Structures are given as structure tokens and as C-alpha cells.
Amino acid sequence: MSPAPSARRTFVFSITVACVVLLVGYGLFEARRLIEGPRIVLVSPKDGSATSSSAVIISGTAENISFLTINDKPAFTDEDGHFTLTLSPPAGYTVFTARGVDRFGRRTSRIVSINVLNYCPLA
């Protein structure tokens, strides 16, 4: 009896296991964004900042989002997930809340607060 069939069987088993491990690993790598859930990053305005402008531009990025709102107003993202929305808040302390939902119903939100100063130009 020759040891070749046993060595061949071990080699085939090893290759099969390696292929299965690679396929499962690749599947998990590609599904990582779905597993992570929705994510929102607010770039501007900075939390705690102050402005005298009557229009505030809220911008940032959203990943894995199927629906995005800022202060309950719909916001739309481009192909890369960037969004920009211009709002006119009242003077004083203002809070902006960005909320996102992914296609599985998972939710996330980010809050940024600013102080809108009264602008009174000199006559």
C-alpha cells in the first residue's frame, strides 16, 4: 500500500478548507458596511461655534443611509454620501439634529449646536 492516497486526500482537504475560509472572509469583508449600520459625520458648522449670518450651511457625510433628515427636513446625499443643506435659524442658541435610517430600519443621529448672533449693521 502506498501513502500517496492519504497525502492526496489531506492536500485536497487543506485546499478545500482554505477556499472556504477565504470565501467566508471575503463575504464578511464586503458585508462590513451593512453590519456597521448607518453613520453620519457633521463637518460644518462646528459644535459650539457662533455666527452672525442669517443662513447656516450644514454639511457632512452619510454612509449606509437610505433616508436622511436635518431638523426634520429631508436632506439628500450625492453618490459619495456628501450632503449640504442651508437653513435660516432664529437668533440665539440653535441645535441642528441630523437623523439617518438605513434600509434595515437601524437609526443614528448627530447633534451640533451653534449660537446665532444678532447682526446689526452700522448705518
Protein backbone atom coordinates (compact mmCIF):
# COMPACT_ATOMS: atom_id res chain seq x y z
CA MET A 1 0.00 0.00 0.00
CA SER A 2 1.24 3.41 -0.96
CA PRO A 3 0.99 6.53 1.27
CA ALA A 4 0.09 8.67 -1.76
CA PRO A 5 -3.74 8.40 -1.48
CA SER A 6 -3.67 9.61 2.14
CA ALA A 7 -1.35 12.52 1.29
CA ARG A 8 -3.52 13.43 -1.68
CA ARG A 9 -6.66 13.34 0.46
CA THR A 10 -5.02 15.61 3.06
CA PHE A 11 -3.90 18.04 0.34
CA VAL A 12 -7.41 18.23 -1.19
CA PHE A 13 -8.95 18.70 2.26
CA SER A 14 -6.48 21.50 3.07
CA ILE A 15 -7.18 23.29 -0.21
CA THR A 16 -10.95 22.97 0.35
CA VAL A 17 -10.72 24.38 3.87
CA ALA A 18 -8.52 27.26 2.66
CA CYS A 19 -11.04 28.12 -0.09
CA VAL A 20 -13.97 28.07 2.34
CA VAL A 21 -12.10 30.30 4.81
CA LEU A 22 -11.20 32.74 2.02
CA LEU A 23 -14.79 32.88 0.73
CA VAL A 24 -16.26 33.46 4.21
CA GLY A 25 -13.61 36.10 4.98
CA TYR A 26 -14.25 37.91 1.72
CA GLY A 27 -18.01 37.80 2.32
CA LEU A 28 -17.60 39.33 5.78
CA PHE A 29 -15.24 41.97 4.40
CA GLU A 30 -17.76 43.02 1.75
CA ALA A 31 -20.66 42.97 4.26
CA ARG A 32 -18.86 45.13 6.83
CA ARG A 33 -20.74 48.28 5.83
CA LEU A 34 -24.09 46.55 6.19
CA ILE A 35 -23.05 45.13 9.55
CA GLU A 36 -21.83 48.53 10.83
CA GLY A 37 -25.15 50.26 10.23
CA PRO A 38 -25.78 53.90 9.35
CA ARG A 39 -23.15 56.55 10.04
CA ILE A 40 -23.34 60.35 9.92
CA VAL A 41 -20.43 62.79 10.22
CA LEU A 42 -21.20 66.51 10.50
CA VAL A 43 -18.38 68.63 9.06
CA SER A 44 -19.89 72.09 9.38
CA PRO A 45 -20.85 74.00 11.43
CA LYS A 46 -18.53 73.11 14.28
CA ASP A 47 -20.24 72.31 17.58
CA GLY A 48 -20.29 75.37 19.86
CA SER A 49 -19.41 77.86 17.12
CA ALA A 50 -21.04 81.24 16.66
CA THR A 51 -22.16 83.03 13.51
CA SER A 52 -23.81 86.29 12.59
CA SER A 53 -25.01 85.00 9.24
CA SER A 54 -28.72 84.55 8.64
CA ALA A 55 -28.05 81.38 6.62
CA VAL A 56 -26.22 78.39 8.08
CA ILE A 57 -24.82 75.70 5.83
CA ILE A 58 -24.94 72.23 7.34
CA SER A 59 -22.71 69.75 5.57
CA GLY A 60 -21.23 66.35 6.17
CA THR A 61 -21.21 62.78 5.00
CA ALA A 62 -23.61 59.90 5.50
CA GLU A 63 -22.85 56.23 4.93
CA ASN A 64 -25.31 53.34 4.69
CA ILE A 65 -28.24 55.75 4.83
CA SER A 66 -31.48 55.27 2.96
CA PHE A 67 -33.23 58.32 4.46
CA LEU A 68 -31.62 61.44 5.97
CA THR A 69 -33.20 64.43 7.69
CA ILE A 70 -31.79 67.56 9.28
CA ASN A 71 -34.15 69.16 11.79
CA ASP A 72 -36.91 67.01 10.26
CA LYS A 73 -36.29 68.36 6.74
CA PRO A 74 -35.18 65.87 4.08
CA ALA A 75 -31.53 66.08 3.09
CA PHE A 76 -30.12 64.41 0.02
CA THR A 77 -26.70 62.90 -0.49
CA ASP A 78 -24.61 62.68 -3.63
CA GLU A 79 -23.05 59.46 -4.90
CA ASP A 80 -20.20 59.75 -2.38
CA GLY A 81 -22.53 60.34 0.59
CA HIS A 82 -21.89 64.09 0.93
CA PHE A 83 -24.79 66.33 1.85
CA THR A 84 -25.34 70.07 2.18
CA LEU A 85 -28.40 71.89 3.46
CA THR A 86 -28.83 75.62 4.05
CA LEU A 87 -31.14 76.66 6.90
CA SER A 88 -32.09 80.05 8.36
CA PRO A 89 -32.20 79.58 12.13
CA PRO A 90 -33.51 82.23 14.53
CA ALA A 91 -31.09 84.30 16.59
CA GLY A 92 -29.82 82.66 19.75
CA TYR A 93 -28.85 79.14 20.70
CA THR A 94 -29.75 76.69 17.93
CA VAL A 95 -29.50 72.91 17.77
CA PHE A 96 -29.28 71.00 14.50
CA THR A 97 -30.10 67.30 14.54
CA ALA A 98 -29.18 65.05 11.63
CA ARG A 99 -31.02 61.72 11.67
CA GLY A 100 -30.49 58.77 9.37
CA VAL A 101 -32.15 55.41 8.81
CA ASP A 102 -30.68 52.51 6.86
CA ARG A 103 -32.64 50.02 4.80
CA PHE A 104 -32.92 47.66 7.78
CA GLY A 105 -34.54 50.30 10.00
CA ARG A 106 -31.47 50.97 12.13
CA ARG A 107 -31.23 54.61 13.19
CA THR A 108 -28.49 57.05 14.08
CA SER A 109 -28.33 60.76 14.83
CA ARG A 110 -25.77 63.50 15.32
CA ILE A 111 -26.32 66.83 17.07
CA VAL A 112 -24.46 70.10 16.66
CA SER A 113 -25.32 73.32 18.47
CA ILE A 114 -24.36 76.86 17.47
CA ASN A 115 -25.08 80.38 18.63
CA VAL A 116 -26.62 82.68 16.02
CA LEU A 117 -25.72 86.26 16.87
CA ASN A 118 -27.92 89.22 16.00
CA TYR A 119 -26.35 91.06 13.12
CA CYS A 120 -26.89 94.78 13.29
CA PRO A 121 -25.05 96.65 10.54
CA LEU A 122 -23.90 100.16 11.25
CA ALA A 123 -25.88 102.79 9.42
